Protein backbone atom coordinates (compact mmCIF):
# COMPACT_ATOMS: atom_id res chain seq x y z
CA MET A 1 22.80 -118.73 81.95
CA ASN A 2 26.27 -120.20 80.48
CA MET A 3 28.07 -116.91 81.43
CA PRO A 4 31.88 -116.88 83.02
CA ALA A 5 32.10 -114.99 86.80
CA LEU A 6 31.34 -111.62 86.67
CA SER A 7 35.31 -111.23 88.20
CA LEU A 8 36.80 -112.87 85.34
CA LEU A 9 34.78 -110.27 82.74
CA PRO A 10 38.77 -108.16 82.46
CA THR A 11 40.84 -110.64 81.88
CA PHE A 12 38.77 -111.72 78.81
CA PHE A 13 39.49 -108.00 76.85
CA SER A 14 42.13 -106.02 76.23
CA SER A 15 43.24 -102.67 74.31
CA GLY A 16 42.87 -105.10 71.14
CA GLY A 17 39.62 -105.81 72.23
CA TYR A 18 37.62 -109.54 73.01
CA ASN A 19 40.92 -112.29 73.15
CA GLY A 20 38.33 -115.04 72.64
CA LEU A 21 39.18 -117.05 76.13
CA ALA A 22 35.44 -116.75 77.90
CA ASN A 23 34.41 -120.05 76.78
CA LEU A 24 37.66 -121.46 78.75
CA SER A 25 35.60 -120.45 82.10
CA ARG A 26 31.83 -121.14 81.46
CA PRO A 27 30.19 -123.20 83.85
CA PHE A 28 29.09 -125.70 81.24
CA LEU A 29 32.97 -126.26 79.30
CA GLY A 30 32.28 -126.61 75.41
CA TYR A 31 29.19 -124.59 75.15
CA GLY A 32 29.07 -121.10 74.56
CA SER A 33 26.03 -118.70 75.44
CA ILE A 34 22.69 -120.86 76.80
CA LYS A 35 19.67 -118.62 76.36
CA VAL A 36 16.84 -119.70 78.28
CA ASP A 37 13.26 -119.05 76.90
CA GLN A 38 10.53 -118.78 79.25
CA PHE A 39 6.78 -117.89 79.27
CA ASP A 40 7.13 -115.35 81.76
CA ALA A 41 5.34 -111.62 82.34
CA ASN A 42 4.51 -109.71 85.16
CA SER A 43 2.68 -106.16 84.05
CA HIS A 44 0.93 -103.48 86.22
CA TYR A 45 -1.73 -100.90 84.84
CA ASN A 46 -2.97 -98.38 86.93
CA SER A 47 -5.56 -95.44 85.83
CA LEU A 48 -8.01 -93.13 85.80
CA GLN A 49 -10.29 -92.49 83.46
CA VAL A 50 -12.88 -89.76 83.28
CA SER A 51 -15.75 -88.64 80.23
CA LEU A 52 -17.65 -86.50 79.42
CA ARG A 53 -20.97 -85.70 77.17
CA SER A 54 -23.17 -82.57 76.88
CA GLN A 55 -25.06 -81.04 74.46
CA PHE A 56 -26.37 -77.60 74.53
CA HIS A 57 -27.37 -74.67 72.62
CA GLY A 58 -26.26 -76.20 69.13
CA LEU A 59 -23.24 -77.82 70.83
CA GLN A 60 -22.29 -81.44 70.86
CA LEU A 61 -19.34 -82.05 72.85
CA GLN A 62 -17.70 -85.07 73.90
CA GLY A 63 -14.41 -85.56 75.74
CA ALA A 64 -12.19 -88.01 77.59
CA TYR A 65 -9.24 -87.97 79.74
CA THR A 66 -7.00 -90.78 81.05
CA TYR A 67 -4.03 -90.62 84.03
CA SER A 68 -2.48 -93.76 83.82
CA LYS A 69 0.50 -95.57 84.71
CA SER A 70 1.14 -98.87 82.81
CA ILE A 71 4.75 -100.96 84.05
CA ASP A 72 6.15 -104.13 82.58
CA SER A 73 9.24 -105.80 81.16
CA SER A 74 9.66 -104.67 77.72
CA LEU A 75 12.03 -107.71 77.56
CA ASN A 76 8.77 -110.29 77.55
CA GLY A 77 5.70 -107.72 77.41
CA SER A 78 5.42 -104.84 74.83
CA ASN A 79 9.05 -105.30 73.34
CA GLY A 80 6.79 -104.57 69.97
CA GLY A 81 4.29 -106.74 70.25
CA ASP A 82 6.43 -110.28 69.94
CA GLY A 83 6.18 -111.06 73.75
CA GLY A 84 9.61 -111.06 74.33
CA ASP A 85 10.59 -114.53 76.11
CA LEU A 86 13.53 -112.89 78.02
CA ASP A 87 15.69 -112.22 74.33
CA PHE A 88 17.06 -108.79 75.10
CA ILE A 89 18.35 -109.09 78.96
CA THR A 90 20.41 -105.68 79.65
CA ASN A 91 22.53 -107.03 82.03
CA PRO A 92 22.34 -111.63 82.36
CA TYR A 93 23.80 -111.12 85.93
CA LEU A 94 21.05 -109.49 87.12
CA GLY A 95 18.27 -110.89 85.39
CA TRP A 96 15.08 -109.42 83.93
CA ARG A 97 14.05 -107.49 86.78
CA PHE A 98 16.23 -104.67 85.66
CA ASP A 99 14.29 -104.12 82.33
CA LEU A 100 11.52 -103.72 84.73
CA GLY A 101 10.06 -99.86 83.67
CA PRO A 102 7.62 -98.00 82.03
CA SER A 103 5.63 -99.42 79.20
CA GLU A 104 6.81 -98.74 75.38
CA LEU A 105 3.37 -97.83 74.80
CA ASN A 106 2.53 -96.06 78.22
CA ARG A 107 1.77 -92.11 78.11
CA GLU A 108 0.79 -90.63 81.29
CA HIS A 109 -1.67 -88.34 80.02
CA ILE A 110 -4.23 -88.63 77.57
CA ALA A 111 -7.12 -86.34 76.75
CA ASN A 112 -9.48 -86.00 73.60
CA VAL A 113 -12.45 -83.88 72.66
CA ASN A 114 -14.37 -84.45 69.52
CA PHE A 115 -17.06 -81.48 69.00
CA ILE A 116 -19.76 -80.40 66.45
CA TYR A 117 -20.97 -76.55 66.80
CA ASP A 118 -24.06 -75.06 64.67
CA ILE A 119 -22.74 -71.04 63.86
CA PRO A 120 -26.01 -69.14 65.37
CA PHE A 121 -25.16 -66.16 62.69
CA PHE A 122 -27.42 -65.74 59.77
CA ARG A 123 -28.89 -68.97 60.61
CA ASN A 124 -32.78 -67.55 60.65
CA SER A 125 -32.02 -64.98 58.51
CA GLY A 126 -34.92 -63.21 56.63
CA SER A 127 -32.77 -62.51 53.79
CA ARG A 128 -32.17 -65.71 51.54
CA LEU A 129 -29.15 -64.38 50.16
CA LEU A 130 -27.62 -63.86 53.69
CA LYS A 131 -28.77 -67.33 54.78
CA ASP A 132 -27.78 -69.31 52.13
CA VAL A 133 -24.49 -67.81 51.94
CA VAL A 134 -23.47 -66.71 55.42
CA GLY A 135 -25.56 -68.91 57.79
CA GLY A 136 -25.93 -72.17 58.22
CA TRP A 137 -22.37 -73.19 59.03
CA GLN A 138 -21.05 -75.88 61.23
CA LEU A 139 -17.93 -76.32 63.22
CA SER A 140 -16.46 -79.71 63.71
CA GLY A 141 -13.22 -80.64 65.11
CA VAL A 142 -11.03 -83.44 67.10
CA VAL A 143 -8.30 -82.52 69.25
CA THR A 144 -5.71 -84.53 70.76
CA MET A 145 -3.21 -83.63 73.63
CA GLU A 146 -1.15 -86.26 75.18
CA THR A 147 2.08 -86.62 76.80
CA GLY A 148 5.45 -88.46 75.26
CA LEU A 149 6.77 -92.33 75.07
CA PRO A 150 9.34 -93.35 76.42
CA LEU A 151 12.49 -93.53 75.38
CA ASN A 152 14.77 -96.84 75.99
CA LEU A 153 18.34 -95.44 75.47
CA GLY A 154 21.37 -97.45 74.04
CA ILE A 155 24.72 -97.00 73.02
CA SER A 156 26.71 -97.21 69.97
CA THR A 157 30.51 -98.74 70.49
CA SER A 158 32.05 -96.98 68.07
CA ALA A 159 32.62 -93.31 69.70
CA LEU A 160 35.02 -95.81 71.69
CA GLY A 161 37.60 -95.51 69.57
CA ALA A 162 39.86 -98.45 67.93
CA GLY A 163 39.23 -101.87 68.77
CA ASN A 164 35.49 -101.07 70.53
CA THR A 165 33.45 -103.93 71.70
CA SER A 166 30.96 -104.66 74.08
CA VAL A 167 30.51 -107.82 76.79
CA CYS A 168 26.97 -108.12 75.11
CA ALA A 169 28.67 -108.74 71.62
CA ALA A 170 31.66 -110.71 73.19
CA ILE A 171 30.46 -112.81 75.85
CA SER A 172 26.57 -112.92 76.00
CA GLY A 173 25.85 -112.41 72.29
CA ASN A 174 22.24 -111.42 72.80
CA CYS A 175 21.64 -108.64 75.47
CA GLN A 176 21.81 -104.67 75.06
CA LEU A 177 23.83 -102.47 76.84
CA ARG A 178 22.13 -98.86 78.20
CA PRO A 179 24.31 -95.83 79.36
CA ASN A 180 24.89 -94.81 83.13
CA LEU A 181 23.18 -91.92 84.16
CA VAL A 182 25.91 -89.64 85.37
CA GLY A 183 23.44 -86.39 86.50
CA THR A 184 20.42 -85.28 86.12
CA ILE A 185 17.86 -85.81 83.16
CA SER A 186 16.55 -82.68 81.50
CA TYR A 187 14.71 -81.49 78.50
CA PRO A 188 16.58 -78.19 77.32
CA LYS A 189 14.05 -78.21 74.04
CA ALA A 190 16.90 -76.28 72.52
CA GLY A 191 17.40 -75.53 69.00
CA ALA A 192 19.93 -78.20 67.06
CA THR A 193 21.36 -78.87 63.97
CA LEU A 194 21.46 -82.59 62.91
CA SER A 195 24.81 -83.47 61.94
CA SER A 196 23.17 -86.31 59.40
CA SER A 197 21.23 -83.95 57.44
CA GLY A 198 22.21 -80.70 58.45
CA PHE A 199 18.65 -80.01 58.88
CA GLY A 200 17.21 -78.05 61.76
CA SER A 201 15.84 -79.93 65.04
CA MET A 202 15.88 -79.64 68.64
CA GLN A 203 18.03 -81.03 71.22
CA TRP A 204 15.29 -83.14 73.08
CA PHE A 205 16.87 -84.04 76.25
CA ASP A 206 20.48 -83.17 77.82
CA PRO A 207 22.87 -85.41 76.57
CA SER A 208 25.28 -85.00 78.98
CA ALA A 209 23.34 -86.49 81.91
CA PHE A 210 24.49 -90.37 80.17
CA ALA A 211 28.04 -91.46 80.08
CA PHE A 212 29.20 -94.65 78.75
CA ASN A 213 30.49 -97.64 81.46
CA THR A 214 33.59 -99.59 80.59
CA LEU A 215 35.32 -102.19 82.25
CA PRO A 216 38.16 -100.93 84.43
CA GLY A 217 41.75 -99.81 82.30
CA LEU A 218 39.44 -100.55 79.51
CA GLY A 219 37.77 -97.08 77.84
CA ASN A 220 36.96 -99.36 74.69
CA VAL A 221 35.11 -101.78 76.16
CA ALA A 222 31.51 -100.84 76.79
CA THR A 223 29.69 -102.67 79.94
CA TRP A 224 26.30 -102.41 81.51
CA GLY A 225 24.94 -99.14 82.70
CA ASN A 226 23.05 -98.60 85.57
CA LEU A 227 20.12 -96.40 83.36
CA GLY A 228 17.03 -98.11 84.24
CA GLU A 229 14.35 -99.54 81.18
CA ASN A 230 12.88 -96.96 79.02
CA GLY A 231 14.29 -94.20 81.53
CA VAL A 232 13.44 -90.77 79.48
CA TRP A 233 10.64 -89.47 78.20
CA GLY A 234 9.92 -88.69 74.43
CA PRO A 235 8.09 -85.66 73.59
CA GLY A 236 4.27 -85.29 73.53
CA ARG A 237 1.68 -83.89 71.08
CA ASP A 238 -0.95 -81.54 71.19
CA ASN A 239 -3.21 -81.44 67.71
CA TRP A 240 -6.09 -79.74 66.25
CA ASN A 241 -7.97 -80.77 63.21
CA LEU A 242 -10.94 -78.63 62.38
CA ALA A 243 -13.48 -78.35 59.79
CA VAL A 244 -16.11 -76.02 58.40
CA PHE A 245 -18.94 -77.55 56.56
CA LYS A 246 -22.93 -76.14 55.18
CA THR A 247 -25.59 -77.80 53.33
CA ILE A 248 -27.45 -75.99 50.81
CA ALA A 249 -30.66 -77.03 49.79
CA ALA A 250 -31.11 -76.19 45.94
CA THR A 251 -34.78 -78.52 45.81
CA GLU A 252 -36.44 -80.60 48.14
CA ARG A 253 -34.01 -83.18 46.58
CA LEU A 254 -30.98 -81.55 45.75
CA HIS A 255 -28.50 -81.01 48.08
CA PHE A 256 -24.94 -79.52 48.17
CA GLU A 257 -22.42 -79.99 50.78
CA LEU A 258 -19.63 -77.42 51.45
CA ARG A 259 -16.39 -78.45 53.32
CA VAL A 260 -13.58 -76.58 54.56
CA GLU A 261 -11.32 -79.14 56.77
CA SER A 262 -7.44 -78.74 58.42
CA TYR A 263 -5.35 -81.11 59.86
CA ASN A 264 -3.06 -79.70 62.75
CA THR A 265 -5.01 -76.37 62.36
CA PHE A 266 -2.49 -74.28 64.08
CA ASN A 267 0.53 -75.94 62.41
CA HIS A 268 2.16 -76.51 65.70
CA PRO A 269 5.35 -78.14 65.27
CA GLN A 270 4.91 -82.16 67.12
CA MET A 271 8.42 -83.62 67.69
CA ASN A 272 8.23 -87.48 66.90
CA GLY A 273 11.54 -89.31 67.03
CA VAL A 274 14.69 -88.91 69.18
CA ASN A 275 18.02 -89.94 68.63
CA SER A 276 18.53 -92.60 71.77
CA THR A 277 21.99 -93.75 71.26
CA LEU A 278 24.81 -92.68 72.98
CA GLY A 279 27.78 -92.16 71.15
CA SER A 280 26.24 -90.88 67.74
CA LYS A 281 26.53 -86.97 67.34
CA ASP A 282 22.55 -86.33 67.61
CA PHE A 283 21.99 -88.26 70.63
CA GLY A 284 18.88 -86.45 72.10
CA LYS A 285 17.80 -84.55 69.39
CA VAL A 286 14.86 -84.59 67.50
CA THR A 287 15.03 -86.37 63.89
CA SER A 288 11.52 -86.41 62.98
CA ALA A 289 8.11 -85.02 63.29
CA TYR A 290 4.35 -85.33 62.01
CA ASP A 291 3.06 -83.52 59.04
CA PRO A 292 2.90 -79.82 59.65
CA ARG A 293 -0.93 -78.57 58.65
CA VAL A 294 -2.46 -79.43 55.84
CA PHE A 295 -5.85 -78.04 54.12
CA GLN A 296 -8.28 -79.93 52.19
CA LEU A 297 -11.30 -78.36 50.36
CA GLY A 298 -14.40 -80.81 49.34
CA ALA A 299 -18.01 -80.54 47.69
CA LYS A 300 -20.57 -82.87 47.57
CA ILE A 301 -23.93 -83.08 45.79
CA MET A 302 -27.06 -85.28 46.90
CA PHE A 303 -29.35 -86.15 44.90
């Protein structure tokens, strides 16, 4: 709340960086940044939720689908679950309303299916060998399909060259800068290589749609961009976990159970983290993924 006039900002910087004179122009002289904490939150959640449960011909099936939209200020809502209390205003001249956008936990589409199926082949075979070895197997699965979480883009001033700084660091001390949106946000999902590791990756979103916003005549001083809160969407997920299992009765009390389980059964690449910092060489590239396919064998004796 103790910010100097917006029109004076360019006078506090030069090609060499911040000159340290902002405190001479603040409304309350003798003080630097004065922060305001208050218990304040505003969020909206709307959804369509559908569920299905069915059992027929040896198949037990449950499914659920949610189409939703959750909006809040990540500064005082879903920001890491800490409540926020306006601790990181993106632009202190505009207030927290500039930071209202999709919640960090918002996935627009989520679908889940789980099932158990009694495979009918040779279950009632007259051959004891076929019935015990081939028949009596069950197939179960858990399927999760969901769209991605939003990404809140930031900047790294180091890409601006010598004497680089930001108005946040020099004037406010406790805010975050986002890029300028200069084009259409697109998701090419093209093959790429991480400069940080040399590993293969994916260019999730097109970085050319974003640019630094700098003070007039000062290309090394970053200021507030116009990209909204959580303005880009991250990768979704399509995951199948399947298992086949069978119980064999040796005697009335002695039973054996055999299981073959798989996680990420079809070994689909499932992207996770994305570099969201403008100025990084890997900006817009996928930086991590969920685990690849895993097989697991198990046996159990029950007596």
